[in-house]
Amino acid sequence: MANTKSAQKRNRITQRRRLRNAAVRTAVRSAVKSAREAIEAKDPQKARDAIREATRALDKAASKGVLHHRNAARRIARLTHAFSAQAKS
């Protein structure tokens, strides 16, 4: 247990951030999963919309500091690459 007032406050803040980060991470995972499923279903319009939502979620997570901005960019690139490859075949 924290001994000083400042350490107690840091613990409270850390708990709040941990819960927020977990919620954001879960939303990102769900969005990316639905985008991948839409790509595999070979429905271009549905996949395009799902990728747009996943991109938004990833960018928001990166701007909040939940994900590193390069991690978010890499995931977005992989999704768009998978979509492009699916569209070509």
Protein backbone atom coordinates (compact mmCIF):
# COMPACT_ATOMS: atom_id res chain seq x y z
CA MET A 1 0.00 0.00 0.00
CA ALA A 2 1.18 3.51 -0.76
CA ASN A 3 2.43 5.48 2.22
CA THR A 4 2.28 9.07 1.01
CA LYS A 5 -0.65 11.12 -0.27
CA SER A 6 1.02 11.60 -3.63
CA ALA A 7 1.63 7.87 -4.03
CA GLN A 8 -2.01 7.16 -3.15
CA LYS A 9 -3.13 9.64 -5.78
CA ARG A 10 -0.83 8.07 -8.37
CA ASN A 11 -2.38 4.69 -7.59
CA ARG A 12 -5.89 6.09 -8.12
CA ILE A 13 -4.89 7.69 -11.41
CA THR A 14 -3.15 4.51 -12.56
CA GLN A 15 -6.27 2.45 -11.86
CA ARG A 16 -8.47 4.86 -13.84
CA ARG A 17 -6.07 4.83 -16.78
CA ARG A 18 -5.72 1.05 -16.69
CA LEU A 19 -9.50 0.64 -16.96
CA ARG A 20 -9.76 3.19 -19.77
CA ASN A 21 -6.85 1.63 -21.66
CA ALA A 22 -8.38 -1.84 -21.34
CA ALA A 23 -11.69 -0.61 -22.74
CA VAL A 24 -10.00 1.14 -25.66
CA ARG A 25 -7.82 -1.90 -26.40
CA THR A 26 -10.89 -4.15 -26.39
CA ALA A 27 -12.71 -1.84 -28.80
CA VAL A 28 -9.69 -1.80 -31.11
CA ARG A 29 -9.42 -5.59 -31.10
CA SER A 30 -13.13 -5.94 -31.88
CA ALA A 31 -12.94 -3.45 -34.74
CA VAL A 32 -9.88 -5.12 -36.27
CA LYS A 33 -11.46 -8.55 -35.92
CA SER A 34 -14.66 -7.46 -37.66
CA ALA A 35 -12.58 -5.87 -40.44
CA ARG A 36 -10.62 -9.09 -40.96
CA GLU A 37 -13.85 -11.11 -41.04
CA ALA A 38 -15.34 -8.72 -43.59
CA ILE A 39 -12.24 -9.02 -45.77
CA GLU A 40 -12.42 -12.83 -45.62
CA ALA A 41 -16.12 -12.72 -46.50
CA LYS A 42 -15.13 -11.04 -49.81
CA ASP A 43 -17.76 -8.31 -49.49
CA PRO A 44 -15.91 -5.17 -50.65
CA GLN A 45 -18.39 -2.57 -49.37
CA LYS A 46 -18.72 -4.19 -45.96
CA ALA A 47 -14.94 -4.63 -45.74
CA ARG A 48 -14.34 -0.99 -46.69
CA ASP A 49 -16.69 0.21 -43.95
CA ALA A 50 -15.17 -2.15 -41.38
CA ILE A 51 -11.64 -1.03 -42.27
CA ARG A 52 -12.71 2.59 -41.91
CA GLU A 53 -14.05 1.88 -38.40
CA ALA A 54 -10.94 -0.09 -37.44
CA THR A 55 -8.70 2.72 -38.72
CA ARG A 56 -10.63 5.23 -36.66
CA ALA A 57 -10.36 3.08 -33.54
CA LEU A 58 -6.63 2.54 -34.04
CA ASP A 59 -5.96 6.23 -34.66
CA LYS A 60 -7.94 7.23 -31.58
CA ALA A 61 -6.08 4.70 -29.44
CA ALA A 62 -2.76 6.02 -30.73
CA SER A 63 -3.75 9.64 -30.07
CA LYS A 64 -4.73 8.76 -26.50
CA GLY A 65 -1.44 6.97 -25.93
CA VAL A 66 -3.01 3.55 -25.51
CA LEU A 67 -1.10 2.26 -28.54
CA HIS A 68 2.15 3.50 -30.00
CA HIS A 69 1.52 5.48 -33.17
CA ARG A 70 3.74 3.20 -35.24
CA ASN A 71 1.96 0.12 -33.91
CA ALA A 72 -1.36 1.63 -35.00
CA ALA A 73 0.06 2.58 -38.40
CA ARG A 74 1.41 -0.94 -38.92
CA ARG A 75 -1.95 -2.52 -38.10
CA ILE A 76 -3.76 -0.13 -40.44
CA ALA A 77 -1.27 -0.90 -43.21
CA ARG A 78 -1.74 -4.63 -42.76
CA LEU A 79 -5.52 -4.30 -42.95
CA THR A 80 -5.44 -2.18 -46.09
CA HIS A 81 -2.88 -4.50 -47.67
CA ALA A 82 -5.10 -7.52 -46.96
CA PHE A 83 -8.08 -5.69 -48.43
CA SER A 84 -6.13 -4.74 -51.57
CA ALA A 85 -4.85 -8.27 -52.02
CA GLN A 86 -8.39 -9.64 -51.63
CA ALA A 87 -9.75 -7.13 -54.15
CA LYS A 88 -7.15 -8.10 -56.76
CA SER A 89 -7.88 -11.81 -56.55
